[in-house]
C-alpha cells in the first residue's frame, strides 16, 4: 500500500485517463429472470424505444440495440454529468417490467443487476456492434440480422464523437 501511494498521488494513470473523459460509452446486457423468453415482442420494443429516446433527460444517449427473447444488449453514452448507469438501467427494467406484467408475466422479471462494459476506443465499439447485429443469426432466430424485427439504432451518433468528447 505504501508503494502505491508513493508512486501514484491519487490513482493509477489509467484510471485518471478514464475518469477525466468527457463521455463514457457502455455496452450493457440485461437478462430476464431464469432466461425466460419473454422480451421479443412489439410491446417490449415500443417500451424500450420510448425509454431510450428519453435518455437525454438524464444525460445519456442510446445508440445500437438488440432485443433477444431472454436478454437485451444496447450501447449508452453518458456525459460526465449524466445520471449513473445503474439508475438508467433500473428505470428501464421498471418500464419494461410493467409491460411484462400487463402481458401476464409475474415478477421477478429480471436477473439481479446487469452486465456493463466500459468501451475504451472505437475498435471495441465496432466489435460489440458486430456482436449485436449478429446475435439473432448466431441464435438461429433468422438467417440475416436485417430480418430480426427487434434490432436497430435509437440515435445515430458517430462513435468517434462519443468516444473522444
N, C-alpha and C. Protein backbone atom coordinates (compact mmCIF):
# COMPACT_ATOMS: atom_id res chain seq x y z
N UNK A 1 0.81 -1.20 0.00
CA UNK A 1 0.00 0.00 0.00
C UNK A 1 0.86 1.26 0.00
N UNK A 2 1.88 1.25 0.79
CA UNK A 2 2.74 2.42 0.87
C UNK A 2 3.35 2.73 -0.50
N UNK A 3 3.76 1.66 -1.21
CA UNK A 3 4.35 1.82 -2.53
C UNK A 3 3.38 2.49 -3.49
N UNK A 4 2.13 2.04 -3.48
CA UNK A 4 1.13 2.60 -4.39
C UNK A 4 0.90 4.07 -4.12
N UNK A 5 0.81 4.45 -2.85
CA UNK A 5 0.55 5.86 -2.56
C UNK A 5 1.76 6.72 -2.85
N UNK A 6 2.95 6.13 -2.77
CA UNK A 6 4.14 6.90 -3.10
C UNK A 6 4.30 7.06 -4.61
N UNK A 7 3.91 6.03 -5.36
CA UNK A 7 4.05 6.08 -6.80
C UNK A 7 2.96 6.91 -7.46
N UNK A 8 1.72 6.76 -7.01
CA UNK A 8 0.58 7.48 -7.57
C UNK A 8 0.00 8.39 -6.50
N UNK A 9 -0.03 9.65 -6.78
CA UNK A 9 -0.53 10.57 -5.77
C UNK A 9 -2.00 10.32 -5.42
N UNK A 10 -2.83 9.99 -6.39
CA UNK A 10 -4.25 9.76 -6.11
C UNK A 10 -4.75 8.45 -6.68
N UNK A 11 -4.51 8.20 -7.96
CA UNK A 11 -4.99 6.98 -8.60
C UNK A 11 -4.03 6.62 -9.72
N UNK A 12 -4.00 5.35 -10.11
CA UNK A 12 -3.11 4.95 -11.21
C UNK A 12 -3.41 5.76 -12.48
N UNK A 13 -2.42 5.96 -13.33
CA UNK A 13 -2.60 6.78 -14.55
C UNK A 13 -3.76 6.32 -15.43
N UNK A 14 -3.97 5.00 -15.59
CA UNK A 14 -5.05 4.52 -16.44
C UNK A 14 -6.40 4.99 -15.90
N UNK A 15 -6.59 4.93 -14.59
CA UNK A 15 -7.85 5.39 -14.00
C UNK A 15 -8.01 6.89 -14.16
N UNK A 16 -6.93 7.64 -14.05
CA UNK A 16 -7.01 9.08 -14.26
C UNK A 16 -7.50 9.37 -15.67
N UNK A 17 -6.97 8.63 -16.64
CA UNK A 17 -7.39 8.81 -18.02
C UNK A 17 -8.89 8.54 -18.16
N UNK A 18 -9.39 7.46 -17.53
CA UNK A 18 -10.80 7.11 -17.67
C UNK A 18 -11.71 8.09 -16.96
N UNK A 19 -11.37 8.52 -15.76
CA UNK A 19 -12.27 9.40 -15.03
C UNK A 19 -12.19 10.83 -15.51
N UNK A 20 -11.21 11.16 -16.33
CA UNK A 20 -11.11 12.53 -16.83
C UNK A 20 -11.79 12.69 -18.19
N UNK A 21 -12.33 11.61 -18.74
CA UNK A 21 -13.00 11.69 -20.03
C UNK A 21 -14.28 12.50 -19.91
N UNK A 22 -14.71 13.05 -21.02
CA UNK A 22 -15.96 13.81 -21.05
C UNK A 22 -17.17 12.92 -21.30
N UNK A 23 -16.98 11.81 -22.00
CA UNK A 23 -18.08 10.91 -22.33
C UNK A 23 -17.68 9.47 -22.05
N UNK A 24 -18.61 8.72 -21.50
CA UNK A 24 -18.39 7.31 -21.21
C UNK A 24 -19.41 6.51 -22.01
N UNK A 25 -18.95 5.52 -22.77
CA UNK A 25 -19.83 4.68 -23.56
C UNK A 25 -19.78 3.27 -22.99
N UNK A 26 -20.98 2.73 -22.71
CA UNK A 26 -21.10 1.41 -22.12
C UNK A 26 -21.84 0.47 -23.06
N UNK A 27 -21.40 -0.78 -23.06
CA UNK A 27 -22.13 -1.87 -23.70
C UNK A 27 -22.84 -2.57 -22.55
N UNK A 28 -24.17 -2.61 -22.60
CA UNK A 28 -24.98 -3.10 -21.48
C UNK A 28 -25.76 -4.34 -21.91
N UNK A 29 -25.85 -5.31 -21.00
CA UNK A 29 -26.66 -6.50 -21.20
C UNK A 29 -27.57 -6.67 -20.00
N UNK A 30 -28.87 -6.84 -20.27
CA UNK A 30 -29.86 -7.10 -19.23
C UNK A 30 -30.49 -8.46 -19.56
N UNK A 31 -30.62 -9.32 -18.56
CA UNK A 31 -31.10 -10.69 -18.78
C UNK A 31 -32.37 -10.92 -17.95
N UNK A 32 -33.32 -11.64 -18.54
CA UNK A 32 -34.56 -11.96 -17.84
C UNK A 32 -34.32 -12.99 -16.75
N UNK A 33 -35.24 -13.04 -15.80
CA UNK A 33 -35.19 -14.00 -14.70
C UNK A 33 -35.27 -15.41 -15.27
N UNK A 34 -34.33 -16.25 -14.90
CA UNK A 34 -34.26 -17.64 -15.38
C UNK A 34 -34.27 -17.74 -16.90
N UNK A 35 -33.81 -16.69 -17.54
CA UNK A 35 -33.73 -16.64 -19.01
C UNK A 35 -35.06 -16.93 -19.69
N UNK A 36 -36.13 -16.43 -19.10
CA UNK A 36 -37.45 -16.61 -19.70
C UNK A 36 -37.51 -15.88 -21.05
N UNK A 37 -37.97 -16.52 -22.11
CA UNK A 37 -38.00 -15.90 -23.44
C UNK A 37 -39.24 -15.02 -23.63
N UNK A 38 -39.26 -13.86 -22.96
CA UNK A 38 -40.46 -13.02 -22.95
C UNK A 38 -40.26 -11.63 -23.56
N UNK A 39 -39.05 -11.31 -24.02
CA UNK A 39 -38.77 -9.94 -24.44
C UNK A 39 -39.04 -9.62 -25.90
N UNK A 40 -38.95 -10.58 -26.78
CA UNK A 40 -39.03 -10.32 -28.21
C UNK A 40 -40.49 -10.10 -28.64
N UNK A 41 -41.05 -8.97 -28.18
CA UNK A 41 -42.42 -8.60 -28.55
C UNK A 41 -42.43 -7.14 -28.97
N UNK A 42 -43.43 -6.78 -29.74
CA UNK A 42 -43.54 -5.39 -30.18
C UNK A 42 -43.78 -4.45 -28.99
N UNK A 43 -44.54 -4.88 -28.00
CA UNK A 43 -44.80 -4.03 -26.82
C UNK A 43 -43.51 -3.73 -26.05
N UNK A 44 -42.66 -4.72 -25.90
CA UNK A 44 -41.37 -4.50 -25.22
C UNK A 44 -40.50 -3.57 -26.05
N UNK A 45 -40.47 -3.78 -27.36
CA UNK A 45 -39.67 -2.90 -28.23
C UNK A 45 -40.16 -1.47 -28.13
N UNK A 46 -41.47 -1.28 -28.13
CA UNK A 46 -42.04 0.07 -28.03
C UNK A 46 -41.65 0.72 -26.70
N UNK A 47 -41.74 -0.04 -25.60
CA UNK A 47 -41.37 0.49 -24.29
C UNK A 47 -39.89 0.82 -24.23
N UNK A 48 -39.05 -0.07 -24.78
CA UNK A 48 -37.60 0.19 -24.80
C UNK A 48 -37.30 1.46 -25.57
N UNK A 49 -37.86 1.58 -26.78
CA UNK A 49 -37.56 2.74 -27.61
C UNK A 49 -38.04 4.04 -26.97
N UNK A 50 -39.21 4.03 -26.35
CA UNK A 50 -39.72 5.23 -25.68
C UNK A 50 -38.76 5.65 -24.56
N UNK A 51 -38.32 4.69 -23.77
CA UNK A 51 -37.40 4.99 -22.68
C UNK A 51 -36.05 5.46 -23.23
N UNK A 52 -35.54 4.76 -24.24
CA UNK A 52 -34.24 5.09 -24.82
C UNK A 52 -34.24 6.47 -25.48
N UNK A 53 -35.34 6.84 -26.13
CA UNK A 53 -35.42 8.16 -26.76
C UNK A 53 -35.39 9.28 -25.74
N UNK A 54 -35.73 8.98 -24.49
CA UNK A 54 -35.70 9.99 -23.43
C UNK A 54 -34.43 9.93 -22.58
N UNK A 55 -33.44 9.16 -23.01
CA UNK A 55 -32.19 9.05 -22.25
C UNK A 55 -31.51 10.41 -22.10
N UNK A 56 -31.73 11.31 -23.05
CA UNK A 56 -31.12 12.63 -22.96
C UNK A 56 -31.56 13.39 -21.71
N UNK A 57 -32.72 13.03 -21.15
CA UNK A 57 -33.21 13.70 -19.95
C UNK A 57 -32.31 13.42 -18.74
N UNK A 58 -31.54 12.34 -18.79
CA UNK A 58 -30.61 12.02 -17.71
C UNK A 58 -29.16 12.11 -18.20
N UNK A 59 -28.94 12.80 -19.30
CA UNK A 59 -27.59 13.00 -19.81
C UNK A 59 -27.04 11.83 -20.61
N UNK A 60 -27.91 10.96 -21.12
CA UNK A 60 -27.46 9.79 -21.86
C UNK A 60 -27.91 9.79 -23.31
N UNK A 61 -27.29 8.93 -24.10
CA UNK A 61 -27.65 8.71 -25.49
C UNK A 61 -27.54 7.23 -25.79
N UNK A 62 -28.65 6.61 -26.17
CA UNK A 62 -28.65 5.20 -26.55
C UNK A 62 -28.46 5.12 -28.06
N UNK A 63 -27.60 4.20 -28.50
CA UNK A 63 -27.37 4.04 -29.94
C UNK A 63 -27.88 2.67 -30.38
N UNK A 64 -27.02 1.74 -30.70
CA UNK A 64 -27.41 0.42 -31.19
C UNK A 64 -28.05 -0.44 -30.11
N UNK A 65 -28.97 -1.30 -30.52
CA UNK A 65 -29.60 -2.22 -29.57
C UNK A 65 -30.07 -3.47 -30.28
N UNK A 66 -30.27 -4.54 -29.51
CA UNK A 66 -30.95 -5.74 -29.98
C UNK A 66 -31.74 -6.30 -28.79
N UNK A 67 -32.97 -6.64 -29.05
CA UNK A 67 -33.81 -7.29 -28.05
C UNK A 67 -33.95 -8.75 -28.47
N UNK A 68 -33.40 -9.62 -27.64
CA UNK A 68 -33.48 -11.06 -27.87
C UNK A 68 -34.61 -11.61 -27.00
N UNK A 69 -35.01 -12.86 -27.20
CA UNK A 69 -36.10 -13.40 -26.38
C UNK A 69 -35.84 -13.32 -24.87
N UNK A 70 -34.58 -13.55 -24.44
CA UNK A 70 -34.30 -13.58 -23.00
C UNK A 70 -33.28 -12.56 -22.52
N UNK A 71 -32.83 -11.67 -23.39
CA UNK A 71 -31.90 -10.63 -22.97
C UNK A 71 -31.92 -9.46 -23.95
N UNK A 72 -31.28 -8.40 -23.53
CA UNK A 72 -31.24 -7.16 -24.29
C UNK A 72 -29.82 -6.62 -24.23
N UNK A 73 -29.29 -6.18 -25.38
CA UNK A 73 -28.00 -5.51 -25.45
C UNK A 73 -28.23 -4.10 -26.00
N UNK A 74 -27.49 -3.13 -25.48
CA UNK A 74 -27.52 -1.79 -26.05
C UNK A 74 -26.28 -1.02 -25.65
N UNK A 75 -26.00 0.04 -26.42
CA UNK A 75 -24.93 0.97 -26.09
C UNK A 75 -25.57 2.22 -25.51
N UNK A 76 -24.94 2.78 -24.50
CA UNK A 76 -25.38 4.07 -23.99
C UNK A 76 -24.15 4.90 -23.66
N UNK A 77 -24.19 6.15 -24.07
CA UNK A 77 -23.13 7.10 -23.74
C UNK A 77 -23.65 8.11 -22.75
N UNK A 78 -22.82 8.44 -21.78
CA UNK A 78 -23.15 9.45 -20.78
C UNK A 78 -22.08 10.52 -20.76
N UNK A 79 -22.49 11.76 -20.67
CA UNK A 79 -21.54 12.83 -20.40
C UNK A 79 -21.10 12.75 -18.96
N UNK A 80 -20.09 13.47 -18.63
CA UNK A 80 -19.54 13.43 -17.28
C UNK A 80 -20.61 13.71 -16.22
N UNK A 81 -21.57 14.55 -16.53
CA UNK A 81 -22.60 14.90 -15.55
C UNK A 81 -23.89 14.11 -15.74
N UNK A 82 -23.84 13.04 -16.52
CA UNK A 82 -25.01 12.21 -16.74
C UNK A 82 -25.36 11.40 -15.50
N UNK A 83 -26.57 10.87 -15.52
CA UNK A 83 -27.02 10.03 -14.41
C UNK A 83 -26.19 8.75 -14.34
N UNK A 84 -26.10 8.15 -13.19
CA UNK A 84 -25.40 6.87 -13.10
C UNK A 84 -26.08 5.81 -13.98
N UNK A 85 -25.26 4.96 -14.56
CA UNK A 85 -25.76 3.89 -15.43
C UNK A 85 -26.78 3.03 -14.71
N UNK A 86 -26.53 2.71 -13.46
CA UNK A 86 -27.44 1.85 -12.69
C UNK A 86 -28.83 2.47 -12.60
N UNK A 87 -28.91 3.77 -12.43
CA UNK A 87 -30.21 4.44 -12.36
C UNK A 87 -30.97 4.31 -13.68
N UNK A 88 -30.25 4.47 -14.79
CA UNK A 88 -30.88 4.34 -16.10
C UNK A 88 -31.39 2.92 -16.31
N UNK A 89 -30.55 1.92 -16.03
CA UNK A 89 -30.92 0.52 -16.25
C UNK A 89 -32.08 0.12 -15.34
N UNK A 90 -32.05 0.52 -14.08
CA UNK A 90 -33.15 0.17 -13.18
C UNK A 90 -34.46 0.78 -13.65
N UNK A 91 -34.42 1.99 -14.16
CA UNK A 91 -35.63 2.61 -14.72
C UNK A 91 -36.13 1.86 -15.94
N UNK A 92 -35.20 1.43 -16.80
CA UNK A 92 -35.57 0.66 -17.98
C UNK A 92 -36.21 -0.66 -17.59
N UNK A 93 -35.61 -1.34 -16.60
CA UNK A 93 -36.20 -2.60 -16.12
C UNK A 93 -37.60 -2.38 -15.58
N UNK A 94 -37.80 -1.29 -14.87
CA UNK A 94 -39.11 -0.98 -14.29
C UNK A 94 -40.15 -0.77 -15.40
N UNK A 95 -39.79 0.02 -16.41
CA UNK A 95 -40.70 0.30 -17.53
C UNK A 95 -41.05 -0.97 -18.29
N UNK A 96 -40.05 -1.75 -18.64
CA UNK A 96 -40.32 -2.98 -19.38
C UNK A 96 -41.00 -4.02 -18.49
N UNK A 97 -40.72 -3.99 -17.19
CA UNK A 97 -41.39 -4.89 -16.25
C UNK A 97 -42.88 -4.65 -16.19
N UNK A 98 -43.29 -3.39 -16.31
CA UNK A 98 -44.72 -3.07 -16.32
C UNK A 98 -45.39 -3.67 -17.55
N UNK A 99 -44.70 -3.63 -18.68
CA UNK A 99 -45.23 -4.25 -19.90
C UNK A 99 -45.35 -5.75 -19.71
N UNK A 100 -44.32 -6.35 -19.17
CA UNK A 100 -44.36 -7.80 -18.93
C UNK A 100 -45.49 -8.17 -17.97
N UNK A 101 -45.71 -7.36 -16.97
CA UNK A 101 -46.79 -7.60 -16.02
C UNK A 101 -48.15 -7.55 -16.72
N UNK A 102 -48.33 -6.54 -17.60
CA UNK A 102 -49.59 -6.43 -18.36
C UNK A 102 -49.79 -7.63 -19.29
N UNK A 103 -48.67 -8.24 -19.71
CA UNK A 103 -48.75 -9.42 -20.57
C UNK A 103 -48.95 -10.70 -19.77
N UNK A 104 -49.02 -10.58 -18.45
CA UNK A 104 -49.28 -11.74 -17.61
C UNK A 104 -48.06 -12.44 -17.05
N UNK A 105 -46.90 -11.83 -17.17
CA UNK A 105 -45.66 -12.42 -16.65
C UNK A 105 -45.43 -11.91 -15.23
N UNK A 106 -45.47 -12.81 -14.26
CA UNK A 106 -45.31 -12.42 -12.87
C UNK A 106 -43.85 -12.09 -12.55
N UNK A 107 -43.66 -11.17 -11.64
CA UNK A 107 -42.32 -10.81 -11.16
C UNK A 107 -41.78 -11.98 -10.33
N UNK A 108 -40.47 -12.11 -10.26
CA UNK A 108 -39.46 -11.22 -10.83
C UNK A 108 -39.30 -11.45 -12.33
N UNK A 109 -38.98 -10.36 -13.02
CA UNK A 109 -38.79 -10.44 -14.46
C UNK A 109 -37.32 -10.40 -14.86
N UNK A 110 -36.46 -9.93 -13.96
CA UNK A 110 -35.07 -9.67 -14.32
C UNK A 110 -34.10 -10.36 -13.37
N UNK A 111 -32.97 -10.77 -13.93
CA UNK A 111 -31.89 -11.21 -13.07
C UNK A 111 -31.37 -9.98 -12.31
N UNK A 112 -30.89 -10.18 -11.10
CA UNK A 112 -30.36 -9.03 -10.35
C UNK A 112 -29.22 -8.37 -11.12
N UNK A 113 -29.15 -7.07 -11.01
CA UNK A 113 -28.09 -6.29 -11.61
C UNK A 113 -28.12 -6.38 -13.14
N UNK A 114 -26.98 -6.19 -13.77
CA UNK A 114 -26.83 -6.21 -15.22
C UNK A 114 -25.35 -6.28 -15.52
N UNK A 115 -25.01 -6.53 -16.78
CA UNK A 115 -23.62 -6.56 -17.19
C UNK A 115 -23.33 -5.29 -17.96
N UNK A 116 -22.23 -4.64 -17.64
CA UNK A 116 -21.82 -3.48 -18.43
C UNK A 116 -20.33 -3.55 -18.70
N UNK A 117 -19.95 -3.02 -19.84
CA UNK A 117 -18.55 -2.99 -20.26
C UNK A 117 -18.26 -1.57 -20.73
N UNK A 118 -17.32 -0.91 -20.07
CA UNK A 118 -16.92 0.43 -20.47
C UNK A 118 -16.05 0.33 -21.72
N UNK A 119 -16.49 0.97 -22.79
CA UNK A 119 -15.73 0.93 -24.04
C UNK A 119 -14.63 1.97 -23.98
N UNK A 120 -13.47 1.58 -24.44
CA UNK A 120 -12.31 2.46 -24.34
C UNK A 120 -11.86 3.05 -25.66
N UNK A 121 -12.33 2.49 -26.77
CA UNK A 121 -11.93 3.02 -28.08
C UNK A 121 -12.91 2.55 -29.15
N UNK A 122 -12.81 3.17 -30.32
CA UNK A 122 -13.73 2.87 -31.43
C UNK A 122 -13.73 1.40 -31.82
N UNK A 123 -12.57 0.76 -31.81
CA UNK A 123 -12.48 -0.64 -32.23
C UNK A 123 -13.34 -1.53 -31.33
N UNK A 124 -13.30 -1.27 -30.05
CA UNK A 124 -14.11 -2.04 -29.12
C UNK A 124 -15.60 -1.85 -29.43
N UNK A 125 -15.98 -0.62 -29.76
CA UNK A 125 -17.37 -0.34 -30.13
C UNK A 125 -17.76 -1.13 -31.37
N UNK A 126 -16.90 -1.12 -32.37
CA UNK A 126 -17.18 -1.83 -33.62
C UNK A 126 -17.34 -3.33 -33.38
N UNK A 127 -16.50 -3.90 -32.53
CA UNK A 127 -16.60 -5.33 -32.22
C UNK A 127 -17.92 -5.64 -31.53
N UNK A 128 -18.31 -4.82 -30.57
CA UNK A 128 -19.56 -5.05 -29.84
C UNK A 128 -20.77 -4.80 -30.74
N UNK A 129 -20.69 -3.80 -31.62
CA UNK A 129 -21.79 -3.54 -32.55
C UNK A 129 -21.99 -4.73 -33.49
N UNK A 130 -20.89 -5.32 -33.95
CA UNK A 130 -20.99 -6.51 -34.80
C UNK A 130 -21.62 -7.67 -34.02
N UNK A 131 -21.26 -7.78 -32.75
CA UNK A 131 -21.85 -8.81 -31.90
C UNK A 131 -23.37 -8.61 -31.80
N UNK A 132 -23.79 -7.37 -31.60
CA UNK A 132 -25.22 -7.06 -31.53
C UNK A 132 -25.92 -7.47 -32.82
N UNK A 133 -25.37 -7.03 -33.96
CA UNK A 133 -26.04 -7.29 -35.24
C UNK A 133 -26.11 -8.77 -35.56
N UNK A 134 -25.13 -9.53 -35.14
CA UNK A 134 -25.10 -10.95 -35.46
C UNK A 134 -25.78 -11.84 -34.43
N UNK A 135 -26.19 -11.30 -33.31
CA UNK A 135 -26.77 -12.09 -32.24
C UNK A 135 -27.99 -12.91 -32.68
N UNK A 136 -28.98 -12.32 -33.36
CA UNK A 136 -30.15 -13.13 -33.78
C UNK A 136 -29.78 -14.24 -34.77
N UNK A 137 -28.77 -14.01 -35.59
CA UNK A 137 -28.33 -15.03 -36.55
C UNK A 137 -27.63 -16.16 -35.82
N UNK A 138 -26.71 -15.80 -34.90
CA UNK A 138 -25.99 -16.82 -34.12
C UNK A 138 -26.95 -17.70 -33.34
N UNK A 139 -28.04 -17.13 -32.85
CA UNK A 139 -29.01 -17.89 -32.05
C UNK A 139 -30.00 -18.67 -32.93
N UNK A 140 -29.88 -18.53 -34.26
CA UNK A 140 -30.74 -19.28 -35.17
C UNK A 140 -32.16 -18.74 -35.28
N UNK A 141 -32.35 -17.48 -34.90
CA UNK A 141 -33.68 -16.88 -34.97
C UNK A 141 -34.03 -16.38 -36.37
N UNK A 142 -33.02 -15.98 -37.12
CA UNK A 142 -33.18 -15.51 -38.50
C UNK A 142 -31.91 -15.87 -39.27
N UNK A 143 -32.00 -15.84 -40.59
CA UNK A 143 -30.80 -16.12 -41.38
C UNK A 143 -30.00 -14.85 -41.67
N UNK A 144 -30.66 -13.70 -41.61
CA UNK A 144 -30.00 -12.40 -41.81
C UNK A 144 -30.44 -11.47 -40.68
N UNK A 145 -29.50 -10.73 -40.11
CA UNK A 145 -29.86 -9.85 -38.99
C UNK A 145 -30.90 -8.81 -39.39
N UNK A 146 -30.92 -8.41 -40.65
CA UNK A 146 -31.90 -7.43 -41.13
C UNK A 146 -33.33 -7.96 -41.01
N UNK A 147 -33.49 -9.26 -40.90
CA UNK A 147 -34.82 -9.85 -40.78
C UNK A 147 -35.34 -9.88 -39.33
N UNK A 148 -34.48 -9.58 -38.36
CA UNK A 148 -34.90 -9.59 -36.95
C UNK A 148 -35.60 -8.26 -36.64
N UNK A 149 -36.86 -8.28 -36.22
CA UNK A 149 -37.61 -7.03 -36.04
C UNK A 149 -37.25 -6.25 -34.77
N UNK A 150 -36.40 -6.80 -33.91
CA UNK A 150 -36.12 -6.16 -32.63
C UNK A 150 -34.67 -5.72 -32.52
N UNK A 151 -34.18 -5.10 -33.58
CA UNK A 151 -32.80 -4.64 -33.66
C UNK A 151 -32.82 -3.27 -34.32
N UNK A 152 -31.90 -2.41 -33.92
CA UNK A 152 -31.88 -1.10 -34.57
C UNK A 152 -30.94 -0.12 -33.91
N UNK A 153 -31.15 1.13 -34.29
CA UNK A 153 -30.36 2.25 -33.79
C UNK A 153 -31.34 3.29 -33.26
N UNK A 154 -31.16 3.70 -32.02
CA UNK A 154 -32.03 4.72 -31.43
C UNK A 154 -31.56 6.10 -31.86
N UNK A 155 -30.29 6.40 -31.63
CA UNK A 155 -29.68 7.68 -32.02
C UNK A 155 -28.46 7.36 -32.85
N UNK A 156 -28.39 7.92 -34.01
CA UNK A 156 -27.27 7.65 -34.91
C UNK A 156 -26.18 8.69 -34.68
N UNK A 157 -25.43 8.52 -33.59
CA UNK A 157 -24.34 9.42 -33.26
C UNK A 157 -23.05 8.71 -33.59
N UNK A 158 -22.16 9.33 -34.38
CA UNK A 158 -20.91 8.66 -34.72
C UNK A 158 -20.12 8.30 -33.45
N UNK A 159 -19.65 7.07 -33.40
CA UNK A 159 -18.98 6.59 -32.21
C UNK A 159 -17.70 7.40 -31.93
N UNK A 160 -17.01 7.84 -32.96
CA UNK A 160 -15.78 8.61 -32.68
C UNK A 160 -16.11 9.90 -31.96
N UNK A 161 -17.29 10.45 -32.20
CA UNK A 161 -17.71 11.66 -31.48
C UNK A 161 -17.92 11.33 -30.01
N UNK A 162 -18.61 10.22 -29.75
CA UNK A 162 -18.88 9.84 -28.37
C UNK A 162 -17.62 9.44 -27.64
N UNK A 163 -16.69 8.78 -28.32
CA UNK A 163 -15.51 8.26 -27.66
C UNK A 163 -14.46 9.34 -27.40
N UNK A 164 -14.52 10.46 -28.10
CA UNK A 164 -13.49 11.48 -27.94
C UNK A 164 -14.00 12.75 -27.30
N UNK A 165 -15.27 12.83 -26.99
CA UNK A 165 -15.82 14.03 -26.36
C UNK A 165 -15.23 14.28 -25.00
